Amino acid sequence: MSSHVDLSSVAQTMNDIHMTAIQRKYSTDERSREQAVIVDIETFRRRESIIEDHGLAQFMYDAEEDETLTGREAKKHYKSIKKD
């Protein structure tokens, strides 16, 4: 079973991130050096989702050439590692 990941759509989504201005605030130390960035929760959740989607797409792309197992082979393999 082979899956196809459209990396161009992932690349477009990542490009869209760079094109969007992010409203942010900075947390600073006593010398006014930036220590952290504060973004609204919706922006954070959107960015987190995009990063996770990108990671999943990369994982799927990397796994395309992996060996595939039949259902019977997979059950046998799972039982063998479950015993360990």
C-alpha atoms as a PDB file:
ATOM      1  CA  MET A   1       0.000   0.000   0.000  1.00  0.00           C
ATOM      2  CA  SER A   2       1.546   3.284  -1.055  1.00  0.00           C
ATOM      3  CA  SER A   3       0.358   6.727  -0.059  1.00  0.00           C
ATOM      4  CA  HIS A   4       0.949   9.945  -1.935  1.00  0.00           C
ATOM      5  CA  VAL A   5       1.581  13.166  -0.070  1.00  0.00           C
ATOM      6  CA  ASP A   6       1.120  16.413  -1.957  1.00  0.00           C
ATOM      7  CA  LEU A   7       4.123  18.282  -0.624  1.00  0.00           C
ATOM      8  CA  SER A   8       3.345  21.279  -2.824  1.00  0.00           C
ATOM      9  CA  SER A   9       0.213  21.985  -0.760  1.00  0.00           C
ATOM     10  CA  VAL A  10       2.244  21.655   2.431  1.00  0.00           C
ATOM     11  CA  ALA A  11       4.835  24.039   0.997  1.00  0.00           C
ATOM     12  CA  GLN A  12       2.088  26.505   0.051  1.00  0.00           C
ATOM     13  CA  THR A  13       0.648  26.353   3.559  1.00  0.00           C
ATOM     14  CA  MET A  14       4.089  26.938   5.053  1.00  0.00           C
ATOM     15  CA  ASN A  15       4.571  29.868   2.655  1.00  0.00           C
ATOM     16  CA  ASP A  16       1.221  31.309   3.770  1.00  0.00           C
ATOM     17  CA  ILE A  17       2.502  31.312   7.344  1.00  0.00           C
ATOM     18  CA  HIS A  18       5.422  33.514   6.382  1.00  0.00           C
ATOM     19  CA  MET A  19       3.130  35.910   4.530  1.00  0.00           C
ATOM     20  CA  THR A  20       0.801  36.444   7.500  1.00  0.00           C
ATOM     21  CA  ALA A  21       1.696  39.091  10.047  1.00  0.00           C
ATOM     22  CA  ILE A  22       1.487  37.678  13.548  1.00  0.00           C
ATOM     23  CA  GLN A  23       0.384  39.990  16.316  1.00  0.00           C
ATOM     24  CA  ARG A  24       2.815  39.357  19.147  1.00  0.00           C
ATOM     25  CA  LYS A  25       4.097  40.750  22.398  1.00  0.00           C
ATOM     26  CA  TYR A  26       7.437  40.140  24.008  1.00  0.00           C
ATOM     27  CA  SER A  27       8.289  39.230  27.543  1.00  0.00           C
ATOM     28  CA  THR A  28      11.561  40.826  28.612  1.00  0.00           C
ATOM     29  CA  ASP A  29      13.979  40.420  31.462  1.00  0.00           C
ATOM     30  CA  GLU A  30      15.142  43.153  33.833  1.00  0.00           C
ATOM     31  CA  ARG A  31      17.586  44.408  31.167  1.00  0.00           C
ATOM     32  CA  SER A  32      14.808  44.614  28.539  1.00  0.00           C
ATOM     33  CA  ARG A  33      16.180  41.634  26.620  1.00  0.00           C
ATOM     34  CA  GLU A  34      13.482  39.642  24.847  1.00  0.00           C
ATOM     35  CA  GLN A  35      12.927  36.302  26.574  1.00  0.00           C
ATOM     36  CA  ALA A  36       9.645  34.996  25.164  1.00  0.00           C
ATOM     37  CA  VAL A  37       6.970  35.736  22.595  1.00  0.00           C
ATOM     38  CA  ILE A  38       3.300  35.953  23.462  1.00  0.00           C
ATOM     39  CA  VAL A  39       0.726  35.285  20.727  1.00  0.00           C
ATOM     40  CA  ASP A  40      -3.033  34.938  21.000  1.00  0.00           C
ATOM     41  CA  ILE A  41      -4.267  31.383  21.513  1.00  0.00           C
ATOM     42  CA  GLU A  42      -5.973  31.089  18.113  1.00  0.00           C
ATOM     43  CA  THR A  43      -2.761  32.050  16.300  1.00  0.00           C
ATOM     44  CA  PHE A  44      -0.831  29.570  18.421  1.00  0.00           C
ATOM     45  CA  ARG A  45      -3.314  26.765  17.700  1.00  0.00           C
ATOM     46  CA  ARG A  46      -3.261  27.457  13.939  1.00  0.00           C
ATOM     47  CA  ARG A  47       0.535  27.449  13.841  1.00  0.00           C
ATOM     48  CA  GLU A  48       0.717  24.334  15.992  1.00  0.00           C
ATOM     49  CA  SER A  49      -1.700  22.521  13.677  1.00  0.00           C
ATOM     50  CA  ILE A  50       0.260  23.534  10.584  1.00  0.00           C
ATOM     51  CA  ILE A  51       3.537  22.380  12.122  1.00  0.00           C
ATOM     52  CA  GLU A  52       1.990  19.042  13.130  1.00  0.00           C
ATOM     53  CA  ASP A  53       0.498  18.594   9.644  1.00  0.00           C
ATOM     54  CA  HIS A  54       3.876  19.326   8.091  1.00  0.00           C
ATOM     55  CA  GLY A  55       5.558  16.792  10.384  1.00  0.00           C
ATOM     56  CA  LEU A  56       2.950  14.147   9.522  1.00  0.00           C
ATOM     57  CA  ALA A  57       3.307  14.835   5.788  1.00  0.00           C
ATOM     58  CA  GLN A  58       7.090  14.507   6.065  1.00  0.00           C
ATOM     59  CA  PHE A  59       6.731  11.245   8.025  1.00  0.00           C
ATOM     60  CA  MET A  60       4.373   9.848   5.380  1.00  0.00           C
ATOM     61  CA  TYR A  61       6.703  10.919   2.578  1.00  0.00           C
ATOM     62  CA  ASP A  62       9.697   9.316   4.298  1.00  0.00           C
ATOM     63  CA  ALA A  63       7.734   6.094   4.883  1.00  0.00           C
ATOM     64  CA  GLU A  64       6.583   5.688   1.260  1.00  0.00           C
ATOM     65  CA  GLU A  65       9.358   3.230   0.484  1.00  0.00           C
ATOM     66  CA  ASP A  66       8.978   1.243   3.723  1.00  0.00           C
ATOM     67  CA  GLU A  67       8.050  -2.402   3.525  1.00  0.00           C
ATOM     68  CA  THR A  68       4.326  -3.069   3.784  1.00  0.00           C
ATOM     69  CA  LEU A  69       2.739  -6.038   5.523  1.00  0.00           C
ATOM     70  CA  THR A  70      -0.432  -7.970   4.894  1.00  0.00           C
ATOM     71  CA  GLY A  71      -2.988  -8.024   7.718  1.00  0.00           C
ATOM     72  CA  ARG A  72      -1.831 -11.503   8.736  1.00  0.00           C
ATOM     73  CA  GLU A  73       1.841 -10.455   8.712  1.00  0.00           C
ATOM     74  CA  ALA A  74       1.073  -7.344  10.736  1.00  0.00           C
ATOM     75  CA  LYS A  75      -0.825  -9.343  13.393  1.00  0.00           C
ATOM     76  CA  LYS A  76       2.026 -11.862  13.605  1.00  0.00           C
ATOM     77  CA  HIS A  77       4.583  -9.072  13.957  1.00  0.00           C
ATOM     78  CA  TYR A  78       2.500  -7.258  16.578  1.00  0.00           C
ATOM     79  CA  LYS A  79       2.141 -10.443  18.641  1.00  0.00           C
ATOM     80  CA  SER A  80       5.905 -11.007  18.494  1.00  0.00           C
ATOM     81  CA  ILE A  81       6.741  -7.529  19.812  1.00  0.00           C
ATOM     82  CA  LYS A  82       3.891  -7.555  22.351  1.00  0.00           C
ATOM     83  CA  LYS A  83       5.551 -10.516  24.147  1.00  0.00           C
ATOM     84  CA  ASP A  84       8.812  -8.587  24.681  1.00  0.00           C
END
